[in-house]
Protein backbone atom coordinates (compact mmCIF):
# COMPACT_ATOMS: atom_id res chain seq x y z
CA MET A 1 8.07 -71.92 -205.36
CA GLN A 2 11.31 -72.33 -207.60
CA LYS A 3 14.35 -71.34 -204.98
CA THR A 4 16.51 -70.78 -207.28
CA TYR A 5 16.32 -69.50 -210.99
CA TYR A 6 18.58 -71.79 -211.98
CA ASP A 7 16.72 -74.93 -212.56
CA PRO A 8 18.52 -78.49 -212.71
CA LYS A 9 15.85 -80.36 -215.60
CA ASP A 10 16.68 -77.23 -217.40
CA LEU A 11 19.40 -79.38 -219.09
CA LYS A 12 17.86 -81.73 -220.70
CA LYS A 13 15.88 -79.09 -222.59
CA PHE A 14 18.98 -77.83 -223.73
CA GLY A 15 18.61 -79.73 -227.14
CA LYS A 16 14.92 -77.42 -227.78
CA ILE A 17 17.20 -74.23 -228.76
CA THR A 18 16.82 -75.51 -232.05
CA GLU A 19 13.04 -74.84 -232.33
CA TRP A 20 13.13 -71.01 -232.37
CA SER A 21 16.11 -71.21 -234.82
CA GLU A 22 16.88 -74.60 -236.25
CA GLU A 23 19.97 -73.23 -238.42
CA LEU A 24 21.93 -72.25 -236.16
CA GLY A 25 20.84 -74.97 -233.44
CA GLU A 26 21.91 -77.43 -235.76
CA LYS A 27 25.19 -75.17 -236.87
CA PHE A 28 25.82 -75.17 -232.85
CA PHE A 29 25.18 -78.40 -231.37
CA GLU A 30 27.47 -79.65 -235.27
CA TYR A 31 30.06 -77.46 -234.46
CA TYR A 32 29.64 -78.77 -230.61
CA GLY A 33 30.02 -82.08 -231.18
CA LYS A 34 33.08 -81.60 -233.68
CA VAL A 35 35.06 -79.71 -231.04
CA PHE A 36 33.78 -82.87 -228.92
CA GLU A 37 35.28 -85.39 -230.65
CA GLU A 38 38.35 -87.37 -230.06
CA GLY A 39 41.80 -85.20 -231.63
CA SER A 40 44.59 -83.99 -230.59
CA LEU A 41 43.36 -84.11 -227.43
CA THR A 42 41.38 -87.11 -225.94
CA ALA A 43 37.70 -86.61 -225.23
CA ARG A 44 38.76 -87.44 -221.20
CA GLU A 45 40.93 -83.97 -221.06
CA LYS A 46 38.51 -81.59 -223.57
CA SER A 47 35.72 -82.54 -220.69
CA LEU A 48 38.47 -82.05 -217.37
CA ILE A 49 38.77 -78.35 -219.28
CA ALA A 50 35.11 -77.59 -220.13
CA LEU A 51 34.98 -78.18 -216.61
CA ALA A 52 36.98 -75.98 -215.56
CA VAL A 53 35.81 -73.08 -218.11
CA ALA A 54 31.97 -74.02 -216.15
CA HIS A 55 33.85 -72.71 -213.20
CA THR A 56 34.98 -69.94 -214.89
CA VAL A 57 32.04 -68.42 -216.93
CA GLN A 58 29.91 -69.83 -213.96
CA CYS A 59 27.88 -71.64 -215.49
CA PRO A 60 25.48 -74.32 -213.37
CA TYR A 61 24.67 -76.51 -215.77
CA CYS A 62 27.57 -77.04 -217.49
CA ILE A 63 29.35 -77.08 -214.53
CA ASP A 64 27.01 -80.24 -213.53
CA ALA A 65 27.04 -81.68 -217.42
CA TYR A 66 30.87 -81.41 -216.81
CA THR A 67 31.05 -82.92 -213.39
CA LYS A 68 29.25 -86.13 -214.67
CA ASP A 69 30.60 -86.34 -217.26
CA GLY A 70 33.94 -86.36 -215.69
CA LEU A 71 33.12 -88.92 -213.60
CA GLN A 72 32.03 -90.95 -215.82
CA ARG A 73 35.49 -91.10 -218.15
CA GLY A 74 36.72 -91.59 -214.51
CA ILE A 75 38.48 -87.74 -213.95
CA GLU A 76 38.96 -88.24 -210.41
CA LYS A 77 38.08 -85.43 -207.74
CA GLU A 78 41.00 -84.76 -206.97
CA GLU A 79 41.87 -83.84 -210.61
CA MET A 80 38.64 -81.91 -210.60
CA MET A 81 39.74 -79.28 -207.86
CA GLU A 82 43.30 -79.75 -209.19
CA ALA A 83 41.38 -77.83 -212.78
CA LEU A 84 39.11 -75.60 -210.95
CA HIS A 85 42.18 -74.06 -209.23
CA VAL A 86 43.84 -73.53 -212.21
CA ALA A 87 40.59 -72.48 -213.81
CA ALA A 88 41.28 -69.45 -210.57
CA ALA A 89 44.44 -68.67 -211.53
CA ILE A 90 44.28 -67.53 -214.54
CA ARG A 91 41.13 -65.92 -213.51
CA GLY A 92 42.62 -64.10 -210.79
CA GLY A 93 45.39 -63.27 -212.61
CA ALA A 94 43.73 -62.07 -215.01
CA SER A 95 41.40 -59.70 -213.27
CA LEU A 96 45.20 -58.35 -211.73
CA VAL A 97 47.08 -57.64 -214.83
CA HIS A 98 44.28 -55.18 -215.76
CA GLY A 99 45.96 -53.84 -212.56
CA VAL A 100 48.69 -51.90 -214.56
CA GLN A 101 46.03 -50.76 -216.70
CA MET A 102 45.21 -48.86 -213.72
CA MET A 103 48.60 -48.06 -212.67
CA ASN A 104 49.41 -46.21 -216.01
CA LYS A 105 46.06 -43.79 -216.02
CA VAL A 106 47.22 -43.53 -211.96
CA GLU A 107 50.33 -42.12 -212.98
CA LYS A 108 49.87 -39.86 -216.22
CA LEU A 109 46.78 -38.05 -214.08
CA SER A 110 49.44 -37.47 -211.37
CA MET A 111 52.03 -35.54 -213.77
């Protein structure tokens, strides 16, 4: 019996999403491929960004994929961890800044 909902073997099935919606799946993979081509950012930089975003959106498949990709591109573990801290700080800040809405509402209701 599987211990978690997440099965690492499913990452290899990602390409199969085109089977149930071929046109949209192909368009997605075309877009995905273009995004990760070298451009103003290197493939290494994009991999590091992807790893940080993967943690922010909490995608275990993406975390696995971009940890491996990053290592293959020479990204050091310290760089990976620093990128995660940047993502965590932004995520935490985004949550906290919404506290201003709560503060505004409290002030309005307290009048």
